[in-house]
Structure formats: C-alpha cells, structure tokens
Amino acid sequence: MSSESIKNTISLMLITVIAGILLGAVYEITKAPIAKENQRAKEEAYKAVFADADSFEDVKVDSDKVQKELQEKGLDATINEAMKVLDKSGQPMGYVLTVTDHEGYGGDIQFAMGVQSDGTLNGISFLSIGETAGLGMKAKEDSFKKQFEGKQVEQIVYTKNGAKADNEIDALSGATITTNAVTNGVNAGLYYISTLQ
C-alpha cells in the first residue's frame, strides 16, 4: 500500500469520525426541543377532540394484546397512546387516543380521537398525514372530520352514495384509500375504548 493510499484512508476515517461526532451533537441538541414540540402538538390535538377536558391521565396500553385483537378484526392500526379525560373535579369524561393507521395512500396516518364516557365520538384531529394534495389531504378539512363528531356507534362505514345511516360517513371523492384508512383507524379506536369500559 502506498503512502498516498494510507494518507487518503486516514483522511477519510478522520472526516467520518468528525461527521459522526457532529451529527451526534446535533441530535442531542435538538432531541429535547423536538420532543417538546411533538408533545405540544399532541396536547393541542387532544384539546381539539375534547375541548372540555381539564386534565389527562395515562391509561396503560397492552400493545401486543391490542395489536393481536385489532389484526383479528382486520384493522391495520396501532393504538399508540390512551389517556383518560378528567373534568375540573377529577371525574372521568371519556378517553382520548393517539391512533396510527398503516393503510394510507401516502403512508401512515396518525390522529387523535376523543370519545365520551357514553361512547359518543367527539371527533378526530390529525397529527401526521401525507396523502395526495387535493385528494387525500382533504381529510384534514372540517367537512370531512366533522362527519365523525357525535357518532355513537360501534363501527363507522363510508359510502360513496351519501351517508344516510348514523354509522355512515361520506367518502372523500377520489381518495377512497385515505377514507378507508381514517375510518379503519377510528374503528380501531372505538373497539379499543369498548374494551376499557
């Protein structure tokens, strides 16, 4: 091996080590602010789906058990977090969940959903969605999200012919995959909450 090759190898190794140290430092510096921002966004979403909430209390999620039950029901979703909603006097009002559905056209769709103690769905608020602009991204519009509000059903289905029953919502035009993913995610959340009561 020539001295030129050794010199180049050492130079590349030093550059790699320095770059790794700098990347590690940047990660450590940005880790806390990113986590804080994610928590703030989640709390805003929880307030959006349960405006009357005074505080939230963790509910332990047995992820493996829940995942198995959801798969048995044909729902490709994950319950990431469950919180009991409390009023000012500490009385339970219902639950908020963070749900991730894995069937979106553009990848995972994550949202918060609120359900009152009597099983009435307060609504949904998106945390992460990357669907097609002008089609699937219309899921973020109030006209779509508000369809879930006030539903007191075990399962929601979508229709392309105009919702007529209490358990129906109108599909997004040209975005059936997104509609299906959001609906299945909501159904996963409704099923999970039914196991808590």
C-alpha atoms as a PDB file:
ATOM      1  CA  MET A   1       0.000   0.000   0.000  1.00  0.00           C
ATOM      2  CA  SER A   2       1.424   3.348  -0.997  1.00  0.00           C
ATOM      3  CA  SER A   3       1.831   6.241   1.381  1.00  0.00           C
ATOM      4  CA  GLU A   4      -0.731   8.175  -0.678  1.00  0.00           C
ATOM      5  CA  SER A   5      -3.366   5.431  -0.093  1.00  0.00           C
ATOM      6  CA  ILE A   6      -2.619   5.367   3.641  1.00  0.00           C
ATOM      7  CA  LYS A   7      -2.906   9.161   3.809  1.00  0.00           C
ATOM      8  CA  ASN A   8      -6.266   9.119   1.954  1.00  0.00           C
ATOM      9  CA  THR A   9      -7.586   6.317   4.178  1.00  0.00           C
ATOM     10  CA  ILE A  10      -6.658   8.203   7.348  1.00  0.00           C
ATOM     11  CA  SER A  11      -8.204  11.415   5.964  1.00  0.00           C
ATOM     12  CA  LEU A  12     -11.482   9.654   5.151  1.00  0.00           C
ATOM     13  CA  MET A  13     -11.528   7.989   8.560  1.00  0.00           C
ATOM     14  CA  LEU A  14     -10.997  11.342  10.342  1.00  0.00           C
ATOM     15  CA  ILE A  15     -13.745  13.002   8.257  1.00  0.00           C
ATOM     16  CA  THR A  16     -16.130  10.153   9.093  1.00  0.00           C
ATOM     17  CA  VAL A  17     -15.352  10.306  12.817  1.00  0.00           C
ATOM     18  CA  ILE A  18     -15.742  14.101  12.945  1.00  0.00           C
ATOM     19  CA  ALA A  19     -19.008  13.957  10.961  1.00  0.00           C
ATOM     20  CA  GLY A  20     -20.335  11.268  13.323  1.00  0.00           C
ATOM     21  CA  ILE A  21     -19.450  13.347  16.388  1.00  0.00           C
ATOM     22  CA  LEU A  22     -21.116  16.442  14.887  1.00  0.00           C
ATOM     23  CA  LEU A  23     -24.265  14.511  13.957  1.00  0.00           C
ATOM     24  CA  GLY A  24     -24.441  13.084  17.478  1.00  0.00           C
ATOM     25  CA  ALA A  25     -24.082  16.569  18.960  1.00  0.00           C
ATOM     26  CA  VAL A  26     -26.815  17.990  16.710  1.00  0.00           C
ATOM     27  CA  TYR A  27     -29.111  15.103  17.673  1.00  0.00           C
ATOM     28  CA  GLU A  28     -28.553  15.718  21.391  1.00  0.00           C
ATOM     29  CA  ILE A  29     -29.151  19.458  20.993  1.00  0.00           C
ATOM     30  CA  THR A  30     -32.385  19.039  19.003  1.00  0.00           C
ATOM     31  CA  LYS A  31     -33.820  15.963  20.771  1.00  0.00           C
ATOM     32  CA  ALA A  32     -35.472  17.815  23.672  1.00  0.00           C
ATOM     33  CA  PRO A  33     -36.984  20.676  21.598  1.00  0.00           C
ATOM     34  CA  ILE A  34     -38.391  18.194  19.062  1.00  0.00           C
ATOM     35  CA  ALA A  35     -39.912  16.051  21.819  1.00  0.00           C
ATOM     36  CA  LYS A  36     -41.373  19.172  23.451  1.00  0.00           C
ATOM     37  CA  GLU A  37     -42.905  20.327  20.152  1.00  0.00           C
ATOM     38  CA  ASN A  38     -44.361  16.864  19.481  1.00  0.00           C
ATOM     39  CA  GLN A  39     -45.907  16.830  22.965  1.00  0.00           C
ATOM     40  CA  ARG A  40     -47.366  20.316  22.442  1.00  0.00           C
ATOM     41  CA  ALA A  41     -48.898  19.257  19.103  1.00  0.00           C
ATOM     42  CA  LYS A  42     -50.390  16.168  20.733  1.00  0.00           C
ATOM     43  CA  GLU A  43     -51.883  18.196  23.602  1.00  0.00           C
ATOM     44  CA  GLU A  44     -53.411  20.631  21.080  1.00  0.00           C
ATOM     45  CA  ALA A  45     -54.913  17.693  19.195  1.00  0.00           C
ATOM     46  CA  TYR A  46     -56.298  16.263  22.447  1.00  0.00           C
ATOM     47  CA  LYS A  47     -57.892  19.616  23.294  1.00  0.00           C
ATOM     48  CA  ALA A  48     -59.328  19.786  19.766  1.00  0.00           C
ATOM     49  CA  VAL A  49     -61.149  16.472  20.271  1.00  0.00           C
ATOM     50  CA  PHE A  50     -62.061  17.051  23.926  1.00  0.00           C
ATOM     51  CA  ALA A  51     -62.383  20.794  24.496  1.00  0.00           C
ATOM     52  CA  ASP A  52     -63.976  20.414  27.958  1.00  0.00           C
ATOM     53  CA  ALA A  53     -61.040  18.418  29.337  1.00  0.00           C
ATOM     54  CA  ASP A  54     -59.245  19.778  32.369  1.00  0.00           C
ATOM     55  CA  SER A  55     -56.528  17.124  32.514  1.00  0.00           C
ATOM     56  CA  PHE A  56     -55.454  13.799  31.069  1.00  0.00           C
ATOM     57  CA  GLU A  57     -54.371  10.650  32.887  1.00  0.00           C
ATOM     58  CA  ASP A  58     -52.342   7.831  31.295  1.00  0.00           C
ATOM     59  CA  VAL A  59     -54.045   4.527  30.588  1.00  0.00           C
ATOM     60  CA  LYS A  60     -51.694   1.573  30.222  1.00  0.00           C
ATOM     61  CA  VAL A  61     -51.934   0.013  26.759  1.00  0.00           C
ATOM     62  CA  ASP A  62     -51.006  -3.676  26.410  1.00  0.00           C
ATOM     63  CA  SER A  63     -49.691  -3.106  22.894  1.00  0.00           C
ATOM     64  CA  ASP A  64     -49.189  -6.772  21.973  1.00  0.00           C
ATOM     65  CA  LYS A  65     -52.663  -7.818  23.104  1.00  0.00           C
ATOM     66  CA  VAL A  66     -54.356  -4.846  21.452  1.00  0.00           C
ATOM     67  CA  GLN A  67     -52.434  -5.359  18.212  1.00  0.00           C
ATOM     68  CA  LYS A  68     -53.440  -9.010  18.063  1.00  0.00           C
ATOM     69  CA  GLU A  69     -57.117  -8.174  18.664  1.00  0.00           C
ATOM     70  CA  LEU A  70     -57.096  -5.426  16.025  1.00  0.00           C
ATOM     71  CA  GLN A  71     -55.499  -7.743  13.476  1.00  0.00           C
ATOM     72  CA  GLU A  72     -58.133 -10.380  14.210  1.00  0.00           C
ATOM     73  CA  LYS A  73     -60.750  -7.728  13.366  1.00  0.00           C
ATOM     74  CA  GLY A  74     -58.931  -6.908  10.108  1.00  0.00           C
ATOM     75  CA  LEU A  75     -57.817  -3.462  11.298  1.00  0.00           C
ATOM     76  CA  ASP A  76     -54.255  -2.462  10.380  1.00  0.00           C
ATOM     77  CA  ALA A  77     -53.878   0.205  13.041  1.00  0.00           C
ATOM     78  CA  THR A  78     -51.903   0.826  16.216  1.00  0.00           C
ATOM     79  CA  ILE A  79     -53.132   2.424  19.438  1.00  0.00           C
ATOM     80  CA  ASN A  80     -50.073   4.498  20.350  1.00  0.00           C
ATOM     81  CA  GLU A  81     -51.419   6.141  23.490  1.00  0.00           C
ATOM     82  CA  ALA A  82     -54.586   6.197  25.563  1.00  0.00           C
ATOM     83  CA  MET A  83     -55.485   8.898  28.060  1.00  0.00           C
ATOM     84  CA  LYS A  84     -58.447   9.162  30.416  1.00  0.00           C
ATOM     85  CA  VAL A  85     -60.049  12.611  30.213  1.00  0.00           C
ATOM     86  CA  LEU A  86     -60.875  14.265  33.541  1.00  0.00           C
ATOM     87  CA  ASP A  87     -63.007  17.310  34.307  1.00  0.00           C
ATOM     88  CA  LYS A  88     -62.100  20.032  36.832  1.00  0.00           C
ATOM     89  CA  SER A  89     -63.348  17.924  39.741  1.00  0.00           C
ATOM     90  CA  GLY A  90     -61.280  14.917  38.627  1.00  0.00           C
ATOM     91  CA  GLN A  91     -64.262  12.946  37.322  1.00  0.00           C
ATOM     92  CA  PRO A  92     -63.742  10.887  34.146  1.00  0.00           C
ATOM     93  CA  MET A  93     -65.364  12.265  30.991  1.00  0.00           C
ATOM     94  CA  GLY A  94     -64.075   9.773  28.436  1.00  0.00           C
ATOM     95  CA  TYR A  95     -60.875   8.975  26.588  1.00  0.00           C
ATOM     96  CA  VAL A  96     -58.518  10.389  24.011  1.00  0.00           C
ATOM     97  CA  LEU A  97     -56.341   8.134  21.897  1.00  0.00           C
ATOM     98  CA  THR A  98     -53.459   8.515  19.519  1.00  0.00           C
ATOM     99  CA  VAL A  99     -54.088   6.098  16.650  1.00  0.00           C
ATOM    100  CA  THR A 100     -51.882   5.264  13.678  1.00  0.00           C
ATOM    101  CA  ASP A 101     -53.460   3.577  10.676  1.00  0.00           C
ATOM    102  CA  HIS A 102     -50.987   1.896   8.324  1.00  0.00           C
ATOM    103  CA  GLU A 103     -53.183   1.818   5.204  1.00  0.00           C
ATOM    104  CA  GLY A 104     -52.891   5.384   3.947  1.00  0.00           C
ATOM    105  CA  TYR A 105     -52.068   6.020   0.301  1.00  0.00           C
ATOM    106  CA  GLY A 106     -49.058   8.112   1.311  1.00  0.00           C
ATOM    107  CA  GLY A 107     -48.058   6.009   4.342  1.00  0.00           C
ATOM    108  CA  ASP A 108     -49.113   6.025   7.968  1.00  0.00           C
ATOM    109  CA  ILE A 109     -51.875   8.386   9.088  1.00  0.00           C
ATOM    110  CA  GLN A 110     -51.770   9.382  12.759  1.00  0.00           C
ATOM    111  CA  PHE A 111     -54.553  11.203  14.550  1.00  0.00           C
ATOM    112  CA  ALA A 112     -56.037  11.872  17.954  1.00  0.00           C
ATOM    113  CA  MET A 113     -59.625  10.921  18.663  1.00  0.00           C
ATOM    114  CA  GLY A 114     -61.871  11.704  21.618  1.00  0.00           C
ATOM    115  CA  VAL A 115     -64.698   9.514  22.875  1.00  0.00           C
ATOM    116  CA  GLN A 116     -67.061  10.443  25.718  1.00  0.00           C
ATOM    117  CA  SER A 117     -67.849   8.010  28.528  1.00  0.00           C
ATOM    118  CA  ASP A 118     -71.155   7.080  26.841  1.00  0.00           C
ATOM    119  CA  GLY A 119     -69.323   6.086  23.642  1.00  0.00           C
ATOM    120  CA  THR A 120     -70.077   9.252  21.655  1.00  0.00           C
ATOM    121  CA  LEU A 121     -67.234  10.194  19.324  1.00  0.00           C
ATOM    122  CA  ASN A 122     -66.184  13.821  19.858  1.00  0.00           C
ATOM    123  CA  GLY A 123     -64.072  13.949  16.714  1.00  0.00           C
ATOM    124  CA  ILE A 124     -60.621  13.466  15.248  1.00  0.00           C
ATOM    125  CA  SER A 125     -57.571  15.711  14.850  1.00  0.00           C
ATOM    126  CA  PHE A 126     -54.666  14.767  12.584  1.00  0.00           C
ATOM    127  CA  LEU A 127     -51.139  14.619  13.958  1.00  0.00           C
ATOM    128  CA  SER A 128     -49.455  13.261  10.827  1.00  0.00           C
ATOM    129  CA  ILE A 129     -50.831  12.755   7.316  1.00  0.00           C
ATOM    130  CA  GLY A 130     -49.034  12.734   3.969  1.00  0.00           C
ATOM    131  CA  GLU A 131     -51.727  11.924   1.434  1.00  0.00           C
ATOM    132  CA  THR A 132     -52.087  13.243  -2.122  1.00  0.00           C
ATOM    133  CA  ALA A 133     -52.595  17.018  -2.305  1.00  0.00           C
ATOM    134  CA  GLY A 134     -56.095  17.971  -3.429  1.00  0.00           C
ATOM    135  CA  LEU A 135     -57.423  14.451  -2.825  1.00  0.00           C
ATOM    136  CA  GLY A 136     -56.425  12.561   0.325  1.00  0.00           C
ATOM    137  CA  MET A 137     -55.293  15.724   2.084  1.00  0.00           C
ATOM    138  CA  LYS A 138     -58.933  16.844   2.062  1.00  0.00           C
ATOM    139  CA  ALA A 139     -59.235  14.540   5.076  1.00  0.00           C
ATOM    140  CA  LYS A 140     -57.846  17.453   7.121  1.00  0.00           C
ATOM    141  CA  GLU A 141     -60.747  19.680   6.109  1.00  0.00           C
ATOM    142  CA  ASP A 142     -63.572  20.238   8.581  1.00  0.00           C
ATOM    143  CA  SER A 143     -66.149  18.992   6.076  1.00  0.00           C
ATOM    144  CA  PHE A 144     -64.629  15.511   6.335  1.00  0.00           C
ATOM    145  CA  LYS A 145     -63.569  15.496  10.001  1.00  0.00           C
ATOM    146  CA  LYS A 146     -66.903  16.805  11.310  1.00  0.00           C
ATOM    147  CA  GLN A 147     -68.664  13.728   9.909  1.00  0.00           C
ATOM    148  CA  PHE A 148     -67.217  11.703  12.797  1.00  0.00           C
ATOM    149  CA  GLU A 149     -68.484  14.064  15.502  1.00  0.00           C
ATOM    150  CA  GLY A 150     -71.450  12.979  17.588  1.00  0.00           C
ATOM    151  CA  LYS A 151     -71.456   9.383  16.317  1.00  0.00           C
ATOM    152  CA  GLN A 152     -72.437   6.862  18.991  1.00  0.00           C
ATOM    153  CA  VAL A 153     -71.878   3.611  17.107  1.00  0.00           C
ATOM    154  CA  GLU A 154     -69.695   0.515  17.389  1.00  0.00           C
ATOM    155  CA  GLN A 155     -68.307   0.893  13.886  1.00  0.00           C
ATOM    156  CA  ILE A 156     -68.272   3.512  11.146  1.00  0.00           C
ATOM    157  CA  VAL A 157     -68.526   2.746   7.445  1.00  0.00           C
ATOM    158  CA  TYR A 158     -68.123   5.046   4.472  1.00  0.00           C
ATOM    159  CA  THR A 159     -70.313   5.353   1.436  1.00  0.00           C
ATOM    160  CA  LYS A 160     -69.958   6.962  -1.973  1.00  0.00           C
ATOM    161  CA  ASN A 161     -73.716   7.463  -2.324  1.00  0.00           C
ATOM    162  CA  GLY A 162     -74.374   9.901   0.514  1.00  0.00           C
ATOM    163  CA  ALA A 163     -74.415   8.981   4.199  1.00  0.00           C
ATOM    164  CA  LYS A 164     -77.917   8.075   5.362  1.00  0.00           C
ATOM    165  CA  ALA A 165     -77.423   5.939   8.482  1.00  0.00           C
ATOM    166  CA  ASP A 166     -75.933   7.038  11.821  1.00  0.00           C
ATOM    167  CA  ASN A 167     -72.888   4.838  11.300  1.00  0.00           C
ATOM    168  CA  GLU A 168     -72.088   6.209   7.810  1.00  0.00           C
ATOM    169  CA  ILE A 169     -69.833   8.983   6.536  1.00  0.00           C
ATOM    170  CA  ASP A 170     -69.309  10.269   3.005  1.00  0.00           C
ATOM    171  CA  ALA A 171     -66.092   9.088   1.335  1.00  0.00           C
ATOM    172  CA  LEU A 172     -63.659  11.664   0.021  1.00  0.00           C
ATOM    173  CA  SER A 173     -64.083  11.938  -3.740  1.00  0.00           C
ATOM    174  CA  GLY A 174     -61.049  10.392  -5.461  1.00  0.00           C
ATOM    175  CA  ALA A 175     -59.494   9.343  -2.158  1.00  0.00           C
ATOM    176  CA  THR A 176     -61.147   6.089  -1.162  1.00  0.00           C
ATOM    177  CA  ILE A 177     -57.877   4.688   0.220  1.00  0.00           C
ATOM    178  CA  THR A 178     -57.492   7.663   2.575  1.00  0.00           C
ATOM    179  CA  THR A 179     -61.146   7.465   3.612  1.00  0.00           C
ATOM    180  CA  ASN A 180     -60.769   3.744   4.307  1.00  0.00           C
ATOM    181  CA  ALA A 181     -57.588   4.277   6.332  1.00  0.00           C
ATOM    182  CA  VAL A 182     -59.088   7.016   8.525  1.00  0.00           C
ATOM    183  CA  THR A 183     -62.329   5.071   9.014  1.00  0.00           C
ATOM    184  CA  ASN A 184     -60.455   1.902   9.959  1.00  0.00           C
ATOM    185  CA  GLY A 185     -58.283   3.868  12.375  1.00  0.00           C
ATOM    186  CA  VAL A 186     -61.371   5.341  14.024  1.00  0.00           C
ATOM    187  CA  ASN A 187     -62.922   1.869  14.220  1.00  0.00           C
ATOM    188  CA  ALA A 188     -59.747   0.552  15.857  1.00  0.00           C
ATOM    189  CA  GLY A 189     -60.011   3.331  18.445  1.00  0.00           C
ATOM    190  CA  LEU A 190     -63.700   2.683  19.067  1.00  0.00           C
ATOM    191  CA  TYR A 191     -63.022  -1.012  19.533  1.00  0.00           C
ATOM    192  CA  TYR A 192     -60.145  -0.322  21.935  1.00  0.00           C
ATOM    193  CA  ILE A 193     -62.249   2.079  24.031  1.00  0.00           C
ATOM    194  CA  SER A 194     -65.022  -0.528  24.228  1.00  0.00           C
ATOM    195  CA  THR A 195     -62.530  -2.840  25.944  1.00  0.00           C
ATOM    196  CA  LEU A 196     -61.807  -0.183  28.601  1.00  0.00           C
ATOM    197  CA  GLN A 197     -65.420   0.247  29.708  1.00  0.00           C
END
